[in-house]
Amino acid sequence: MTIFIGLTFFHENLSVAYRFIRRNEQRCIALCFLQKAYLQESEGGDTIKIQYVGHAAVFVESDLKIIIDPYLKGKGREGFSRYNPNAALSVEDVERIGLDLIMLTHGHGDHFGQTFELLEKTDAKLVASNRVCDFVEKKIDKKRLLRNEPHEELNIGKFKVLAREAKHKHGLEGFGGDLLGWLAYKRYTPCGTNMGYLISAEAKTIYHSGDTYIVPDVCNPDIAFLSMDGFRTLNEKEALEAIRDIKPKTVVPIHYKVFNGEKIVKKVRRTIEREEVNVLLREMEYGEVMEM
């Protein structure tokens, strides 16, 4: 009983709790637990925080601060303008938080977003396809550009980043993708190679699909961020096939507030519950944070 009272009382100060139990010569599982927790705390622990910023934008925070597809807050219409008015973070918010790495799945405006602004206001490096890097290199020091193409891997701090293949529907690659960007977002950004990313750290894996209707084998990721809008990306059937194939622990729908995405997510949820598929489908609110 004394041990459990000590655990509760000293929860906020693990070092004090550890010394208290050592002085009282308590020898039990609680000591092992506190010793492990104390060591983790002194080393910074291994928690990875993930914030769903909105649309396809995801902010990952551990020893590095990473943003994927930074389509950030500003005036406009989500998915069809230069800014996302519903996003949880603005350029100024990210500048205040700090940023080490920007990762782009491709160059469409609702993914390229505020990349230039973030590169100007922070010291972050950029991971992107060769074509997008060629475009950005006209304004940004090439030493800050980390070129990546499908099946290539980068080691960045404790993170391993493996680019995976991805493909839009309706020919929205190459020239068609570039034209869409110019018409929809009123500025030119090249689509470049479309990619997803498998990010690994601390024996945990995060998969971000990018814009795709095909999902490669990414081997049981802890979290899979899957685009589901039914037009450019996964429809109901394709999403369910992807979930069954890659068997993630948790699926977070993204890119689904446009076209028929919200209806698709509801149907996918009903099927998962009816068929008792062993996966958690988690609809995250913009700004919501989860920990791994």
Protein backbone atom coordinates (compact mmCIF):
# COMPACT_ATOMS: atom_id res chain seq x y z
CA MET A 1 0.00 0.00 0.00
CA THR A 2 2.83 2.38 0.93
CA ILE A 3 4.38 1.86 -2.49
CA PHE A 4 1.23 2.74 -4.41
CA ILE A 5 0.65 5.84 -2.27
CA GLY A 6 4.23 6.84 -3.07
CA LEU A 7 3.61 6.31 -6.77
CA THR A 8 0.58 8.59 -6.72
CA PHE A 9 2.12 11.24 -4.48
CA PHE A 10 5.39 11.49 -6.39
CA HIS A 11 3.98 11.03 -9.89
CA GLU A 12 5.03 14.52 -10.96
CA ASN A 13 8.59 14.12 -9.63
CA LEU A 14 10.00 10.75 -10.51
CA SER A 15 13.50 11.47 -9.20
CA VAL A 16 12.16 12.29 -5.71
CA ALA A 17 9.98 9.16 -5.77
CA TYR A 18 12.90 7.01 -6.78
CA ARG A 19 15.11 8.30 -3.94
CA PHE A 20 12.22 7.94 -1.45
CA ILE A 21 11.72 4.28 -2.24
CA ARG A 22 15.47 3.57 -2.21
CA ARG A 23 15.77 5.11 1.27
CA ASN A 24 12.91 2.91 2.51
CA GLU A 25 14.46 -0.14 0.88
CA GLN A 26 11.31 -1.10 -0.95
CA ARG A 27 12.07 -3.93 -3.34
CA CYS A 28 9.36 -4.72 -5.79
CA ILE A 29 8.10 -4.12 -9.31
CA ALA A 30 7.33 -0.50 -8.43
CA LEU A 31 11.07 0.18 -7.96
CA CYS A 32 11.87 -1.23 -11.38
CA PHE A 33 9.07 0.80 -12.92
CA LEU A 34 10.22 4.04 -11.32
CA GLN A 35 13.85 3.42 -12.20
CA LYS A 36 12.96 2.90 -15.84
CA ALA A 37 10.71 5.97 -15.91
CA TYR A 38 13.37 8.08 -14.21
CA LEU A 39 16.02 7.08 -16.73
CA GLN A 40 13.67 7.75 -19.63
CA GLU A 41 12.83 11.17 -18.23
CA SER A 42 16.51 12.08 -17.83
CA GLU A 43 17.17 11.01 -21.43
CA GLY A 44 14.16 12.87 -22.81
CA GLY A 45 12.04 9.75 -23.23
CA ASP A 46 10.96 8.35 -26.58
CA THR A 47 7.53 9.92 -27.01
CA ILE A 48 6.61 11.08 -30.50
CA LYS A 49 3.84 13.68 -30.69
CA ILE A 50 1.77 13.92 -33.84
CA GLN A 51 -0.60 16.79 -34.59
CA TYR A 52 -3.11 16.67 -37.42
CA VAL A 53 -2.89 20.23 -38.73
CA GLY A 54 -5.57 19.80 -41.39
CA HIS A 55 -6.14 18.53 -44.95
CA ALA A 56 -2.93 16.49 -45.52
CA ALA A 57 -0.71 18.49 -43.15
CA VAL A 58 0.79 16.56 -40.22
CA PHE A 59 3.25 17.89 -37.60
CA VAL A 60 5.58 15.32 -36.00
CA GLU A 61 7.56 16.28 -32.92
CA SER A 62 10.30 14.31 -31.20
CA ASP A 63 13.99 15.26 -31.17
CA LEU A 64 13.19 16.79 -34.56
CA LYS A 65 10.20 18.90 -35.53
CA ILE A 66 8.82 17.84 -38.89
CA ILE A 67 5.88 19.06 -40.94
CA ILE A 68 4.48 17.08 -43.87
CA ASP A 69 2.63 18.96 -46.64
CA PRO A 70 2.41 22.36 -44.86
CA TYR A 71 -0.89 23.69 -46.19
CA LEU A 72 -1.41 26.24 -43.43
CA LYS A 73 -3.92 28.73 -42.11
CA GLY A 74 -4.98 31.74 -44.16
CA LYS A 75 -7.85 33.09 -46.23
CA GLY A 76 -9.23 30.80 -48.89
CA ARG A 77 -11.17 27.60 -49.48
CA GLU A 78 -9.77 24.31 -48.26
CA GLY A 79 -8.36 22.23 -51.08
CA PHE A 80 -8.95 24.87 -53.73
CA SER A 81 -6.88 27.92 -52.77
CA ARG A 82 -3.42 28.90 -51.66
CA TYR A 83 -4.25 28.73 -47.93
CA ASN A 84 -6.41 26.47 -45.77
CA PRO A 85 -8.70 28.63 -43.59
CA ASN A 86 -9.47 25.60 -41.38
CA ALA A 87 -5.88 24.61 -40.60
CA ALA A 88 -4.82 24.50 -36.95
CA LEU A 89 -1.47 26.25 -37.54
CA SER A 90 -0.29 29.31 -39.42
CA VAL A 91 3.21 30.08 -40.70
CA GLU A 92 3.72 32.26 -37.62
CA ASP A 93 2.65 29.41 -35.32
CA VAL A 94 5.16 27.02 -36.88
CA GLU A 95 7.90 29.67 -36.74
CA ARG A 96 7.21 30.12 -33.02
CA ILE A 97 7.20 26.35 -32.32
CA GLY A 98 10.34 25.76 -34.35
CA LEU A 99 10.91 23.55 -37.38
CA ASP A 100 13.72 21.26 -38.53
CA LEU A 101 12.28 19.53 -41.58
CA ILE A 102 9.61 20.01 -44.24
CA MET A 103 8.50 16.95 -46.19
CA LEU A 104 6.50 17.28 -49.40
CA THR A 105 4.65 14.35 -50.94
CA HIS A 106 4.29 16.38 -54.16
CA GLY A 107 3.99 19.95 -55.37
CA HIS A 108 0.26 20.61 -55.71
CA GLY A 109 -0.73 23.82 -53.95
CA ASP A 110 -2.72 22.08 -51.20
CA HIS A 111 0.47 20.18 -50.26
CA PHE A 112 3.27 22.60 -51.20
CA GLY A 113 1.27 25.20 -49.29
CA GLN A 114 3.49 27.64 -47.38
CA THR A 115 6.79 25.85 -48.04
CA PHE A 116 8.56 28.98 -49.29
CA GLU A 117 7.41 31.04 -46.30
CA LEU A 118 8.59 28.37 -43.85
CA LEU A 119 11.97 28.05 -45.58
CA GLU A 120 12.39 31.82 -45.37
CA LYS A 121 11.37 32.12 -41.70
CA THR A 122 13.09 29.00 -40.30
CA ASP A 123 16.30 27.05 -40.85
CA ALA A 124 14.37 23.91 -41.80
CA LYS A 125 15.54 21.59 -44.55
CA LEU A 126 13.24 20.30 -47.28
CA VAL A 127 12.66 16.70 -48.36
CA ALA A 128 11.03 16.54 -51.80
CA SER A 129 11.27 15.02 -55.26
CA ASN A 130 13.97 16.09 -57.70
CA ARG A 131 11.59 18.22 -59.76
CA VAL A 132 10.22 20.08 -56.75
CA CYS A 133 13.77 20.60 -55.43
CA ASP A 134 14.84 21.99 -58.82
CA PHE A 135 12.00 24.50 -58.54
CA VAL A 136 12.76 25.48 -54.93
CA GLU A 137 16.51 25.71 -55.59
CA LYS A 138 15.92 28.93 -57.55
CA LYS A 139 15.19 30.69 -54.24
CA ILE A 140 16.69 28.51 -51.50
CA ASP A 141 20.27 27.34 -50.83
CA LYS A 142 20.60 23.86 -52.32
CA LYS A 143 22.38 22.68 -49.15
CA ARG A 144 18.98 22.78 -47.44
CA LEU A 145 17.41 20.45 -50.01
CA LEU A 146 17.24 16.68 -49.43
CA ARG A 147 16.26 15.05 -52.69
CA ASN A 148 14.18 11.88 -52.54
CA GLU A 149 12.35 9.64 -54.97
CA PRO A 150 10.27 6.46 -54.45
CA HIS A 151 12.21 3.55 -52.85
CA GLU A 152 15.00 5.88 -51.67
CA GLU A 153 15.77 6.21 -47.95
CA LEU A 154 17.12 9.13 -45.95
CA ASN A 155 18.53 9.01 -42.41
CA ILE A 156 17.79 12.24 -40.58
CA GLY A 157 18.68 12.22 -36.89
CA LYS A 158 16.99 9.19 -35.36
CA PHE A 159 14.41 9.15 -38.17
CA LYS A 160 14.51 6.94 -41.23
CA VAL A 161 12.46 8.27 -44.12
CA LEU A 162 11.57 5.88 -46.93
CA ALA A 163 9.75 7.34 -49.93
CA ARG A 164 7.04 5.08 -51.35
CA GLU A 165 5.22 5.21 -54.66
CA ALA A 166 1.93 7.08 -54.95
CA LYS A 167 -0.32 7.98 -57.86
CA HIS A 168 -3.16 10.42 -58.44
CA LYS A 169 -6.31 9.49 -60.29
CA HIS A 170 -7.40 11.18 -63.53
CA GLY A 171 -3.90 11.82 -64.87
CA LEU A 172 -3.10 14.53 -62.35
CA GLU A 173 0.63 13.91 -62.68
CA GLY A 174 3.19 15.60 -64.91
CA PHE A 175 1.80 18.38 -67.11
CA GLY A 176 -1.78 17.67 -65.98
CA GLY A 177 -0.73 18.08 -62.36
CA ASP A 178 1.16 21.29 -63.10
CA LEU A 179 -1.82 22.75 -64.95
CA LEU A 180 -4.13 21.90 -62.04
CA GLY A 181 -1.82 23.72 -59.67
CA TRP A 182 -1.73 26.85 -61.80
CA LEU A 183 -5.53 26.94 -62.31
CA ALA A 184 -6.58 26.04 -58.76
CA TYR A 185 -3.99 27.84 -56.66
CA LYS A 186 -3.19 30.84 -58.87
CA ARG A 187 0.54 30.17 -58.80
CA TYR A 188 2.83 27.66 -60.42
CA THR A 189 4.34 24.85 -58.39
CA PRO A 190 5.41 21.65 -60.19
CA CYS A 191 3.67 18.46 -59.12
CA GLY A 192 6.87 16.43 -59.43
CA THR A 193 6.97 12.76 -58.50
CA ASN A 194 4.06 11.86 -56.26
CA MET A 195 5.18 10.01 -53.13
CA GLY A 196 4.11 8.70 -49.77
CA TYR A 197 6.47 8.45 -46.80
CA LEU A 198 7.21 5.70 -44.30
CA ILE A 199 8.83 7.35 -41.28
CA SER A 200 10.50 5.18 -38.63
CA ALA A 201 11.90 6.12 -35.23
CA GLU A 202 12.09 4.48 -31.81
CA ALA A 203 10.78 1.19 -33.30
CA LYS A 204 7.61 3.04 -34.36
CA THR A 205 6.40 3.70 -37.87
CA ILE A 206 4.20 6.37 -39.41
CA TYR A 207 2.92 6.11 -42.97
CA HIS A 208 1.66 9.18 -44.86
CA SER A 209 0.11 8.18 -48.15
CA GLY A 210 0.21 11.53 -49.95
CA ASP A 211 -2.34 11.80 -52.75
CA THR A 212 -2.78 8.28 -54.08
CA TYR A 213 -5.28 5.62 -55.04
CA ILE A 214 -2.64 2.87 -54.77
CA VAL A 215 -1.05 1.98 -51.44
CA PRO A 216 2.17 -0.07 -51.44
CA ASP A 217 3.02 -2.70 -48.86
CA VAL A 218 4.32 -0.75 -45.88
CA CYS A 219 4.23 -3.62 -43.40
CA ASN A 220 1.98 -2.93 -40.44
CA PRO A 221 2.67 0.72 -39.59
CA ASP A 222 1.63 1.94 -36.16
CA ILE A 223 -0.26 4.83 -37.75
CA ALA A 224 -1.36 5.23 -41.37
CA PHE A 225 -2.52 8.64 -42.58
CA LEU A 226 -4.60 7.75 -45.65
CA SER A 227 -6.03 10.25 -48.13
CA MET A 228 -9.69 9.49 -48.80
CA ASP A 229 -11.51 11.90 -51.09
CA GLY A 230 -12.68 9.44 -53.75
CA PHE A 231 -11.72 11.72 -56.63
CA ARG A 232 -7.96 12.20 -56.65
CA THR A 233 -7.30 9.65 -53.90
CA LEU A 234 -8.79 6.54 -52.26
CA ASN A 235 -12.47 5.71 -52.59
CA GLU A 236 -14.29 3.39 -50.16
CA LYS A 237 -13.26 0.14 -51.85
CA GLU A 238 -9.64 1.20 -52.32
CA ALA A 239 -9.36 2.44 -48.72
CA LEU A 240 -10.66 -0.83 -47.32
CA GLU A 241 -8.34 -2.85 -49.53
CA ALA A 242 -5.40 -0.74 -48.40
CA ILE A 243 -6.30 -1.16 -44.73
CA ARG A 244 -6.62 -4.94 -45.10
CA ASP A 245 -3.34 -5.14 -47.02
CA ILE A 246 -1.05 -3.04 -44.84
CA LYS A 247 -2.76 -3.85 -41.50
CA PRO A 248 -1.98 -0.64 -39.59
CA LYS A 249 -2.77 -0.42 -35.88
CA THR A 250 -4.45 2.96 -36.38
CA VAL A 251 -5.82 4.65 -39.50
CA VAL A 252 -6.28 8.41 -39.61
CA PRO A 253 -8.23 9.68 -42.64
CA ILE A 254 -6.79 12.81 -44.24
CA HIS A 255 -7.60 14.89 -47.33
CA TYR A 256 -11.28 13.96 -46.89
CA LYS A 257 -12.98 17.32 -46.30
CA VAL A 258 -13.20 17.73 -50.08
CA PHE A 259 -15.27 15.95 -52.74
CA ASN A 260 -17.02 12.87 -51.24
CA GLY A 261 -14.42 12.24 -48.57
CA GLU A 262 -16.61 12.54 -45.47
CA LYS A 263 -19.14 10.04 -46.87
CA ILE A 264 -16.32 7.66 -47.75
CA VAL A 265 -14.89 7.79 -44.23
CA LYS A 266 -18.31 7.01 -42.71
CA LYS A 267 -18.74 4.00 -45.01
CA VAL A 268 -15.23 2.75 -44.25
CA ARG A 269 -15.92 3.02 -40.52
CA ARG A 270 -19.19 1.08 -40.81
CA THR A 271 -17.49 -1.70 -42.77
CA ILE A 272 -14.60 -1.95 -40.29
CA GLU A 273 -17.04 -2.20 -37.38
CA ARG A 274 -19.33 -4.68 -39.15
CA GLU A 275 -16.52 -6.97 -40.27
CA GLU A 276 -14.60 -6.50 -37.01
CA VAL A 277 -11.41 -5.55 -38.85
CA ASN A 278 -8.61 -5.37 -36.30
CA VAL A 279 -7.77 -1.69 -36.75
CA LEU A 280 -8.67 1.56 -35.01
CA LEU A 281 -10.07 4.20 -37.38
CA ARG A 282 -9.50 7.53 -35.69
CA GLU A 283 -10.98 10.71 -37.15
CA MET A 284 -8.77 13.44 -35.74
CA GLU A 285 -9.96 17.00 -35.40
CA TYR A 286 -7.77 19.69 -36.91
CA GLY A 287 -5.26 20.56 -34.21
CA GLU A 288 -5.72 17.30 -32.30
CA VAL A 289 -2.57 15.65 -30.97
CA MET A 290 -1.78 11.97 -30.38
CA GLU A 291 1.29 10.41 -28.82
CA MET A 292 3.22 7.30 -29.73
